[in-house]
Amino acid sequence: MFQIYKYIYVESKAAGYFSFGKHRKMIDEYSKEGWRFVTAIPTVFNIVGVIKKYDLVFEKEE
């Protein structure tokens, strides 16, 4: 038998020269709620191709 998973996508801003990303804290918070981090998908880039935003993808068994 196979497992069925549900997924959520949480938008996060990428860190910049003078700021740090909050992705580690977000991953820790969601994992405490039973979500498993799967991947990060870049969604917004600046004019030279630097990632500005991305979706953190989490999964949980239904």
PDB file of N, CA and C in Angstrom:
ATOM      1  N   MET A   1       0.843  -1.183   0.000  1.00  0.00           N
ATOM      2  CA  MET A   1       0.000   0.000   0.000  1.00  0.00           C
ATOM      3  C   MET A   1       0.885   1.241   0.000  1.00  0.00           C
ATOM      4  N   PHE A   2       0.421   2.284  -0.605  1.00  0.00           N
ATOM      5  CA  PHE A   2       1.207   3.505  -0.694  1.00  0.00           C
ATOM      6  C   PHE A   2       0.678   4.572   0.260  1.00  0.00           C
ATOM      7  N   GLN A   3       1.543   5.511   0.595  1.00  0.00           N
ATOM      8  CA  GLN A   3       1.192   6.599   1.501  1.00  0.00           C
ATOM      9  C   GLN A   3       0.639   7.786   0.710  1.00  0.00           C
ATOM     10  N   ILE A   4      -0.314   8.469   1.284  1.00  0.00           N
ATOM     11  CA  ILE A   4      -0.839   9.692   0.686  1.00  0.00           C
ATOM     12  C   ILE A   4      -0.352  10.864   1.537  1.00  0.00           C
ATOM     13  N   TYR A   5       0.206  11.852   0.862  1.00  0.00           N
ATOM     14  CA  TYR A   5       0.750  13.020   1.550  1.00  0.00           C
ATOM     15  C   TYR A   5      -0.013  14.278   1.150  1.00  0.00           C
ATOM     16  N   LYS A   6      -0.070  15.223   2.060  1.00  0.00           N
ATOM     17  CA  LYS A   6      -0.552  16.558   1.711  1.00  0.00           C
ATOM     18  C   LYS A   6       0.644  17.486   1.773  1.00  0.00           C
ATOM     19  N   TYR A   7       0.608  18.523   0.972  1.00  0.00           N
ATOM     20  CA  TYR A   7       1.725  19.447   0.843  1.00  0.00           C
ATOM     21  C   TYR A   7       1.279  20.870   1.113  1.00  0.00           C
ATOM     22  N   ILE A   8       2.196  21.643   1.692  1.00  0.00           N
ATOM     23  CA  ILE A   8       1.981  23.082   1.819  1.00  0.00           C
ATOM     24  C   ILE A   8       3.203  23.787   1.251  1.00  0.00           C
ATOM     25  N   TYR A   9       2.981  24.994   0.778  1.00  0.00           N
ATOM     26  CA  TYR A   9       4.042  25.814   0.180  1.00  0.00           C
ATOM     27  C   TYR A   9       4.074  27.128   0.950  1.00  0.00           C
ATOM     28  N   VAL A  10       5.202  27.416   1.575  1.00  0.00           N
ATOM     29  CA  VAL A  10       5.333  28.599   2.419  1.00  0.00           C
ATOM     30  C   VAL A  10       6.339  29.546   1.766  1.00  0.00           C
ATOM     31  N   GLU A  11       5.884  30.754   1.430  1.00  0.00           N
ATOM     32  CA  GLU A  11       6.762  31.721   0.774  1.00  0.00           C
ATOM     33  C   GLU A  11       7.760  32.299   1.769  1.00  0.00           C
ATOM     34  N   SER A  12       8.992  32.440   1.316  1.00  0.00           N
ATOM     35  CA  SER A  12      10.044  33.010   2.148  1.00  0.00           C
ATOM     36  C   SER A  12      10.910  33.927   1.287  1.00  0.00           C
ATOM     37  N   LYS A  13      11.390  35.004   1.897  1.00  0.00           N
ATOM     38  CA  LYS A  13      12.312  35.901   1.196  1.00  0.00           C
ATOM     39  C   LYS A  13      13.729  35.378   1.350  1.00  0.00           C
ATOM     40  N   ALA A  14      14.506  35.532   0.311  1.00  0.00           N
ATOM     41  CA  ALA A  14      15.909  35.135   0.364  1.00  0.00           C
ATOM     42  C   ALA A  14      16.696  36.160   1.165  1.00  0.00           C
ATOM     43  N   ALA A  15      17.778  35.717   1.765  1.00  0.00           N
ATOM     44  CA  ALA A  15      18.645  36.626   2.513  1.00  0.00           C
ATOM     45  C   ALA A  15      19.351  37.562   1.545  1.00  0.00           C
ATOM     46  N   GLY A  16      19.655  38.753   2.020  1.00  0.00           N
ATOM     47  CA  GLY A  16      20.356  39.733   1.196  1.00  0.00           C
ATOM     48  C   GLY A  16      21.720  40.042   1.788  1.00  0.00           C
ATOM     49  N   TYR A  17      22.329  41.076   1.274  1.00  0.00           N
ATOM     50  CA  TYR A  17      23.645  41.472   1.768  1.00  0.00           C
ATOM     51  C   TYR A  17      23.618  41.883   3.237  1.00  0.00           C
ATOM     52  N   PHE A  18      22.527  42.520   3.652  1.00  0.00           N
ATOM     53  CA  PHE A  18      22.450  43.038   5.008  1.00  0.00           C
ATOM     54  C   PHE A  18      21.378  42.360   5.850  1.00  0.00           C
ATOM     55  N   SER A  19      20.859  41.233   5.387  1.00  0.00           N
ATOM     56  CA  SER A  19      19.826  40.528   6.147  1.00  0.00           C
ATOM     57  C   SER A  19      20.071  39.023   6.054  1.00  0.00           C
ATOM     58  N   PHE A  20      19.501  38.313   7.003  1.00  0.00           N
ATOM     59  CA  PHE A  20      19.618  36.863   7.024  1.00  0.00           C
ATOM     60  C   PHE A  20      18.244  36.261   6.762  1.00  0.00           C
ATOM     61  N   GLY A  21      18.208  35.170   6.041  1.00  0.00           N
ATOM     62  CA  GLY A  21      16.949  34.490   5.774  1.00  0.00           C
ATOM     63  C   GLY A  21      16.396  33.851   7.032  1.00  0.00           C
ATOM     64  N   LYS A  22      15.094  33.655   7.052  1.00  0.00           N
ATOM     65  CA  LYS A  22      14.430  33.041   8.204  1.00  0.00           C
ATOM     66  C   LYS A  22      14.086  31.582   7.914  1.00  0.00           C
ATOM     67  N   HIS A  23      14.641  31.024   6.850  1.00  0.00           N
ATOM     68  CA  HIS A  23      14.265  29.687   6.416  1.00  0.00           C
ATOM     69  C   HIS A  23      14.554  28.609   7.469  1.00  0.00           C
ATOM     70  N   ARG A  24      15.652  28.703   8.168  1.00  0.00           N
ATOM     71  CA  ARG A  24      15.969  27.676   9.172  1.00  0.00           C
ATOM     72  C   ARG A  24      14.955  27.671  10.305  1.00  0.00           C
ATOM     73  N   LYS A  25      14.595  28.862  10.764  1.00  0.00           N
ATOM     74  CA  LYS A  25      13.598  28.970  11.831  1.00  0.00           C
ATOM     75  C   LYS A  25      12.251  28.434  11.357  1.00  0.00           C
ATOM     76  N   MET A  26      11.879  28.773  10.117  1.00  0.00           N
ATOM     77  CA  MET A  26      10.604  28.307   9.575  1.00  0.00           C
ATOM     78  C   MET A  26      10.587  26.782   9.453  1.00  0.00           C
ATOM     79  N   ILE A  27      11.671  26.192   8.979  1.00  0.00           N
ATOM     80  CA  ILE A  27      11.748  24.736   8.845  1.00  0.00           C
ATOM     81  C   ILE A  27      11.619  24.078  10.217  1.00  0.00           C
ATOM     82  N   ASP A  28      12.310  24.614  11.218  1.00  0.00           N
ATOM     83  CA  ASP A  28      12.215  24.070  12.580  1.00  0.00           C
ATOM     84  C   ASP A  28      10.787  24.169  13.120  1.00  0.00           C
ATOM     85  N   GLU A  29      10.127  25.303  12.899  1.00  0.00           N
ATOM     86  CA  GLU A  29       8.765  25.495  13.402  1.00  0.00           C
ATOM     87  C   GLU A  29       7.787  24.515  12.760  1.00  0.00           C
ATOM     88  N   TYR A  30       7.865  24.355  11.449  1.00  0.00           N
ATOM     89  CA  TYR A  30       6.948  23.441  10.775  1.00  0.00           C
ATOM     90  C   TYR A  30       7.241  21.988  11.138  1.00  0.00           C
ATOM     91  N   SER A  31       8.496  21.635  11.356  1.00  0.00           N
ATOM     92  CA  SER A  31       8.816  20.256  11.713  1.00  0.00           C
ATOM     93  C   SER A  31       8.249  19.902  13.089  1.00  0.00           C
ATOM     94  N   LYS A  32       8.174  20.866  13.987  1.00  0.00           N
ATOM     95  CA  LYS A  32       7.573  20.631  15.301  1.00  0.00           C
ATOM     96  C   LYS A  32       6.082  20.318  15.190  1.00  0.00           C
ATOM     97  N   GLU A  33       5.464  20.778  14.091  1.00  0.00           N
ATOM     98  CA  GLU A  33       4.037  20.525  13.855  1.00  0.00           C
ATOM     99  C   GLU A  33       3.821  19.255  13.023  1.00  0.00           C
ATOM    100  N   GLY A  34       4.897  18.497  12.779  1.00  0.00           N
ATOM    101  CA  GLY A  34       4.766  17.237  12.074  1.00  0.00           C
ATOM    102  C   GLY A  34       5.023  17.303  10.574  1.00  0.00           C
ATOM    103  N   TRP A  35       5.384  18.471  10.063  1.00  0.00           N
ATOM    104  CA  TRP A  35       5.681  18.623   8.641  1.00  0.00           C
ATOM    105  C   TRP A  35       7.130  18.251   8.368  1.00  0.00           C
ATOM    106  N   ARG A  36       7.379  17.660   7.206  1.00  0.00           N
ATOM    107  CA  ARG A  36       8.733  17.315   6.787  1.00  0.00           C
ATOM    108  C   ARG A  36       9.126  18.221   5.634  1.00  0.00           C
ATOM    109  N   PHE A  37      10.283  18.875   5.762  1.00  0.00           N
ATOM    110  CA  PHE A  37      10.784  19.748   4.699  1.00  0.00           C
ATOM    111  C   PHE A  37      11.186  18.895   3.508  1.00  0.00           C
ATOM    112  N   VAL A  38      10.721  19.296   2.301  1.00  0.00           N
ATOM    113  CA  VAL A  38      11.013  18.542   1.084  1.00  0.00           C
ATOM    114  C   VAL A  38      12.033  19.275   0.221  1.00  0.00           C
ATOM    115  N   THR A  39      11.744  20.542  -0.108  1.00  0.00           N
ATOM    116  CA  THR A  39      12.642  21.301  -0.987  1.00  0.00           C
ATOM    117  C   THR A  39      12.276  22.781  -0.953  1.00  0.00           C
ATOM    118  N   ALA A  40      13.119  23.585  -1.596  1.00  0.00           N
ATOM    119  CA  ALA A  40      12.843  25.011  -1.788  1.00  0.00           C
ATOM    120  C   ALA A  40      12.791  25.263  -3.289  1.00  0.00           C
ATOM    121  N   ILE A  41      11.739  25.949  -3.737  1.00  0.00           N
ATOM    122  CA  ILE A  41      11.556  26.247  -5.155  1.00  0.00           C
ATOM    123  C   ILE A  41      11.688  27.754  -5.361  1.00  0.00           C
ATOM    124  N   PRO A  42      12.684  28.216  -6.100  1.00  0.00           N
ATOM    125  CA  PRO A  42      12.809  29.653  -6.380  1.00  0.00           C
ATOM    126  C   PRO A  42      11.591  30.143  -7.165  1.00  0.00           C
ATOM    127  N   THR A  43      11.038  31.295  -6.761  1.00  0.00           N
ATOM    128  CA  THR A  43       9.847  31.817  -7.428  1.00  0.00           C
ATOM    129  C   THR A  43      10.014  33.230  -7.969  1.00  0.00           C
ATOM    130  N   VAL A  44      10.896  34.019  -7.379  1.00  0.00           N
ATOM    131  CA  VAL A  44      11.103  35.404  -7.828  1.00  0.00           C
ATOM    132  C   VAL A  44      12.610  35.659  -7.920  1.00  0.00           C
ATOM    133  N   PHE A  45      13.017  36.240  -9.043  1.00  0.00           N
ATOM    134  CA  PHE A  45      14.426  36.555  -9.293  1.00  0.00           C
ATOM    135  C   PHE A  45      14.559  38.047  -9.591  1.00  0.00           C
ATOM    136  N   ASN A  46      15.744  38.614  -9.332  1.00  0.00           N
ATOM    137  CA  ASN A  46      15.959  40.001  -9.755  1.00  0.00           C
ATOM    138  C   ASN A  46      16.443  40.001 -11.200  1.00  0.00           C
ATOM    139  N   ILE A  47      16.769  41.156 -11.720  1.00  0.00           N
ATOM    140  CA  ILE A  47      17.107  41.308 -13.134  1.00  0.00           C
ATOM    141  C   ILE A  47      18.352  40.531 -13.556  1.00  0.00           C
ATOM    142  N   VAL A  48      19.253  40.238 -12.615  1.00  0.00           N
ATOM    143  CA  VAL A  48      20.467  39.489 -12.963  1.00  0.00           C
ATOM    144  C   VAL A  48      20.375  38.014 -12.551  1.00  0.00           C
ATOM    145  N   GLY A  49      19.205  37.575 -12.127  1.00  0.00           N
ATOM    146  CA  GLY A  49      18.985  36.165 -11.832  1.00  0.00           C
ATOM    147  C   GLY A  49      19.203  35.728 -10.409  1.00  0.00           C
ATOM    148  N   VAL A  50      19.385  36.673  -9.493  1.00  0.00           N
ATOM    149  CA  VAL A  50      19.556  36.327  -8.081  1.00  0.00           C
ATOM    150  C   VAL A  50      18.174  36.030  -7.488  1.00  0.00           C
ATOM    151  N   ILE A  51      18.077  34.951  -6.731  1.00  0.00           N
ATOM    152  CA  ILE A  51      16.798  34.563  -6.120  1.00  0.00           C
ATOM    153  C   ILE A  51      16.397  35.584  -5.061  1.00  0.00           C
ATOM    154  N   LYS A  52      15.161  36.078  -5.148  1.00  0.00           N
ATOM    155  CA  LYS A  52      14.627  37.031  -4.172  1.00  0.00           C
ATOM    156  C   LYS A  52      13.609  36.367  -3.238  1.00  0.00           C
ATOM    157  N   LYS A  53      12.800  35.435  -3.769  1.00  0.00           N
ATOM    158  CA  LYS A  53      11.804  34.710  -2.970  1.00  0.00           C
ATOM    159  C   LYS A  53      11.780  33.254  -3.426  1.00  0.00           C
ATOM    160  N   TYR A  54      11.355  32.408  -2.518  1.00  0.00           N
ATOM    161  CA  TYR A  54      11.211  31.001  -2.852  1.00  0.00           C
ATOM    162  C   TYR A  54      10.109  30.398  -1.993  1.00  0.00           C
ATOM    163  N   ASP A  55       9.585  29.274  -2.432  1.00  0.00           N
ATOM    164  CA  ASP A  55       8.597  28.521  -1.654  1.00  0.00           C
ATOM    165  C   ASP A  55       9.310  27.377  -0.956  1.00  0.00           C
ATOM    166  N   LEU A  56       9.090  27.273   0.351  1.00  0.00           N
ATOM    167  CA  LEU A  56       9.543  26.103   1.097  1.00  0.00           C
ATOM    168  C   LEU A  56       8.410  25.072   1.004  1.00  0.00           C
ATOM    169  N   VAL A  57       8.733  23.864   0.623  1.00  0.00           N
ATOM    170  CA  VAL A  57       7.724  22.824   0.436  1.00  0.00           C
ATOM    171  C   VAL A  57       7.821  21.844   1.591  1.00  0.00           C
ATOM    172  N   PHE A  58       6.677  21.592   2.238  1.00  0.00           N
ATOM    173  CA  PHE A  58       6.589  20.666   3.347  1.00  0.00           C
ATOM    174  C   PHE A  58       5.538  19.611   3.038  1.00  0.00           C
ATOM    175  N   GLU A  59       5.741  18.398   3.591  1.00  0.00           N
ATOM    176  CA  GLU A  59       4.762  17.346   3.403  1.00  0.00           C
ATOM    177  C   GLU A  59       4.429  16.698   4.744  1.00  0.00           C
ATOM    178  N   LYS A  60       3.234  16.099   4.789  1.00  0.00           N
ATOM    179  CA  LYS A  60       2.780  15.389   5.981  1.00  0.00           C
ATOM    180  C   LYS A  60       1.849  14.273   5.508  1.00  0.00           C
ATOM    181  N   GLU A  61       1.938  13.112   6.148  1.00  0.00           N
ATOM    182  CA  GLU A  61       1.018  12.026   5.810  1.00  0.00           C
ATOM    183  C   GLU A  61      -0.393  12.413   6.181  1.00  0.00           C
ATOM    184  N   GLU A  62      -1.338  12.017   5.317  1.00  0.00           N
ATOM    185  CA  GLU A  62      -2.754  12.298   5.631  1.00  0.00           C
ATOM    186  C   GLU A  62      -3.309  11.246   6.537  1.00  0.00           C
TER     187      GLU A  62
END
